[in-house]
């Protein structure tokens, strides 16, 4: 069962400074998007976790797009597949 982190994304960003790279593997959308908001300029965010069906979640898509473009951020998804999959 998922347990929320003891420190939220804003607190973690404050502790570690600029976040340049995130390799997400939880599949927990609330955590993933909270951390994405704190990705630094020129940062890279890699989604690998697959969320279960959780229903729609409210997201300010205009703010997300502006943040991605103006801060030159990269978001990508990848799958861990074995050799025959390629």
C-alpha atoms as a PDB file:
ATOM      1  CA  UNK A   1       0.000   0.000   0.000  1.00  0.00           C
ATOM      2  CA  UNK A   2       1.240   3.485  -0.862  1.00  0.00           C
ATOM      3  CA  UNK A   3       2.303   5.675   2.036  1.00  0.00           C
ATOM      4  CA  UNK A   4       2.701   9.386   1.314  1.00  0.00           C
ATOM      5  CA  UNK A   5       6.226  10.746   1.764  1.00  0.00           C
ATOM      6  CA  UNK A   6       7.025  12.270   5.134  1.00  0.00           C
ATOM      7  CA  UNK A   7       8.264  15.403   3.363  1.00  0.00           C
ATOM      8  CA  UNK A   8       6.215  16.994   0.589  1.00  0.00           C
ATOM      9  CA  UNK A   9       7.663  18.028  -2.774  1.00  0.00           C
ATOM     10  CA  UNK A  10       8.124  21.702  -1.854  1.00  0.00           C
ATOM     11  CA  UNK A  11       9.979  20.820   1.351  1.00  0.00           C
ATOM     12  CA  UNK A  12      12.201  18.327  -0.477  1.00  0.00           C
ATOM     13  CA  UNK A  13      13.058  20.896  -3.158  1.00  0.00           C
ATOM     14  CA  UNK A  14      13.979  23.344  -0.412  1.00  0.00           C
ATOM     15  CA  UNK A  15      16.247  20.746   1.211  1.00  0.00           C
ATOM     16  CA  UNK A  16      18.099  19.612  -1.920  1.00  0.00           C
ATOM     17  CA  UNK A  17      18.081  22.780  -4.010  1.00  0.00           C
ATOM     18  CA  UNK A  18      17.567  22.738  -7.765  1.00  0.00           C
ATOM     19  CA  UNK A  19      16.122  19.475  -9.021  1.00  0.00           C
ATOM     20  CA  UNK A  20      17.729  18.697 -12.381  1.00  0.00           C
ATOM     21  CA  UNK A  21      16.588  15.121 -12.972  1.00  0.00           C
ATOM     22  CA  UNK A  22      13.668  13.066 -11.692  1.00  0.00           C
ATOM     23  CA  UNK A  23      13.299   9.369 -12.472  1.00  0.00           C
ATOM     24  CA  UNK A  24       9.738   8.636 -11.395  1.00  0.00           C
ATOM     25  CA  UNK A  25       8.807   5.006 -10.787  1.00  0.00           C
ATOM     26  CA  UNK A  26       5.878   5.222  -8.370  1.00  0.00           C
ATOM     27  CA  UNK A  27       2.941   5.598 -10.725  1.00  0.00           C
ATOM     28  CA  UNK A  28       1.285   7.795  -8.083  1.00  0.00           C
ATOM     29  CA  UNK A  29      -0.006  10.769 -10.045  1.00  0.00           C
ATOM     30  CA  UNK A  30      -0.437  13.106  -7.076  1.00  0.00           C
ATOM     31  CA  UNK A  31       3.205  12.647  -6.058  1.00  0.00           C
ATOM     32  CA  UNK A  32       4.507  12.722  -9.642  1.00  0.00           C
ATOM     33  CA  UNK A  33       2.864  16.017 -10.555  1.00  0.00           C
ATOM     34  CA  UNK A  34       3.732  17.611  -7.213  1.00  0.00           C
ATOM     35  CA  UNK A  35       7.419  16.900  -7.860  1.00  0.00           C
ATOM     36  CA  UNK A  36       7.153  18.012 -11.505  1.00  0.00           C
ATOM     37  CA  UNK A  37       6.231  21.512 -10.294  1.00  0.00           C
ATOM     38  CA  UNK A  38       9.645  21.788  -8.621  1.00  0.00           C
ATOM     39  CA  UNK A  39      11.779  20.625 -11.530  1.00  0.00           C
ATOM     40  CA  UNK A  40      14.527  23.161 -12.219  1.00  0.00           C
ATOM     41  CA  UNK A  41      15.252  25.126 -15.360  1.00  0.00           C
ATOM     42  CA  UNK A  42      16.500  22.769 -18.100  1.00  0.00           C
ATOM     43  CA  UNK A  43      15.365  19.853 -15.909  1.00  0.00           C
ATOM     44  CA  UNK A  44      14.437  16.406 -17.157  1.00  0.00           C
ATOM     45  CA  UNK A  45      11.561  14.332 -15.791  1.00  0.00           C
ATOM     46  CA  UNK A  46      11.329  10.645 -16.726  1.00  0.00           C
ATOM     47  CA  UNK A  47       8.039   8.839 -16.119  1.00  0.00           C
ATOM     48  CA  UNK A  48       8.353   5.054 -15.766  1.00  0.00           C
ATOM     49  CA  UNK A  49       5.570   4.257 -13.283  1.00  0.00           C
ATOM     50  CA  UNK A  50       2.169   3.205 -14.582  1.00  0.00           C
ATOM     51  CA  UNK A  51      -0.735   4.579 -12.543  1.00  0.00           C
ATOM     52  CA  UNK A  52      -3.764   2.465 -11.821  1.00  0.00           C
ATOM     53  CA  UNK A  53      -7.120   3.831 -12.885  1.00  0.00           C
ATOM     54  CA  UNK A  54      -7.758   6.690 -10.469  1.00  0.00           C
ATOM     55  CA  UNK A  55     -10.254   8.722 -12.422  1.00  0.00           C
ATOM     56  CA  UNK A  56      -9.726  12.280 -13.630  1.00  0.00           C
ATOM     57  CA  UNK A  57      -7.588  14.655 -11.597  1.00  0.00           C
ATOM     58  CA  UNK A  58      -7.717  18.440 -11.847  1.00  0.00           C
ATOM     59  CA  UNK A  59      -4.583  19.897 -13.426  1.00  0.00           C
ATOM     60  CA  UNK A  60      -3.889  23.461 -14.486  1.00  0.00           C
ATOM     61  CA  UNK A  61      -2.717  22.520 -17.957  1.00  0.00           C
ATOM     62  CA  UNK A  62      -2.031  26.111 -19.061  1.00  0.00           C
ATOM     63  CA  UNK A  63       0.322  26.649 -16.114  1.00  0.00           C
ATOM     64  CA  UNK A  64       1.960  23.276 -16.765  1.00  0.00           C
ATOM     65  CA  UNK A  65       2.603  24.093 -20.431  1.00  0.00           C
ATOM     66  CA  UNK A  66       3.928  27.580 -19.627  1.00  0.00           C
ATOM     67  CA  UNK A  67       6.215  26.132 -16.985  1.00  0.00           C
ATOM     68  CA  UNK A  68       7.522  23.472 -19.373  1.00  0.00           C
ATOM     69  CA  UNK A  69       8.185  25.914 -22.222  1.00  0.00           C
ATOM     70  CA  UNK A  70       9.505  28.902 -20.272  1.00  0.00           C
ATOM     71  CA  UNK A  71      11.776  26.769 -18.065  1.00  0.00           C
ATOM     72  CA  UNK A  72      12.955  24.607 -20.981  1.00  0.00           C
ATOM     73  CA  UNK A  73      11.940  21.383 -19.257  1.00  0.00           C
ATOM     74  CA  UNK A  74      11.802  17.916 -20.785  1.00  0.00           C
ATOM     75  CA  UNK A  75       9.244  15.274 -19.807  1.00  0.00           C
ATOM     76  CA  UNK A  76       9.413  11.799 -21.265  1.00  0.00           C
ATOM     77  CA  UNK A  77       8.075   8.371 -20.625  1.00  0.00           C
ATOM     78  CA  UNK A  78       9.907   5.112 -21.016  1.00  0.00           C
ATOM     79  CA  UNK A  79       9.283   1.461 -20.416  1.00  0.00           C
ATOM     80  CA  UNK A  80      11.659  -1.089 -18.994  1.00  0.00           C
ATOM     81  CA  UNK A  81      11.447  -3.791 -21.628  1.00  0.00           C
ATOM     82  CA  UNK A  82      13.605  -6.785 -22.358  1.00  0.00           C
ATOM     83  CA  UNK A  83      15.655  -7.182 -25.534  1.00  0.00           C
ATOM     84  CA  UNK A  84      12.992  -8.868 -27.762  1.00  0.00           C
ATOM     85  CA  UNK A  85      10.652  -5.887 -27.244  1.00  0.00           C
ATOM     86  CA  UNK A  86      13.028  -3.748 -29.294  1.00  0.00           C
END
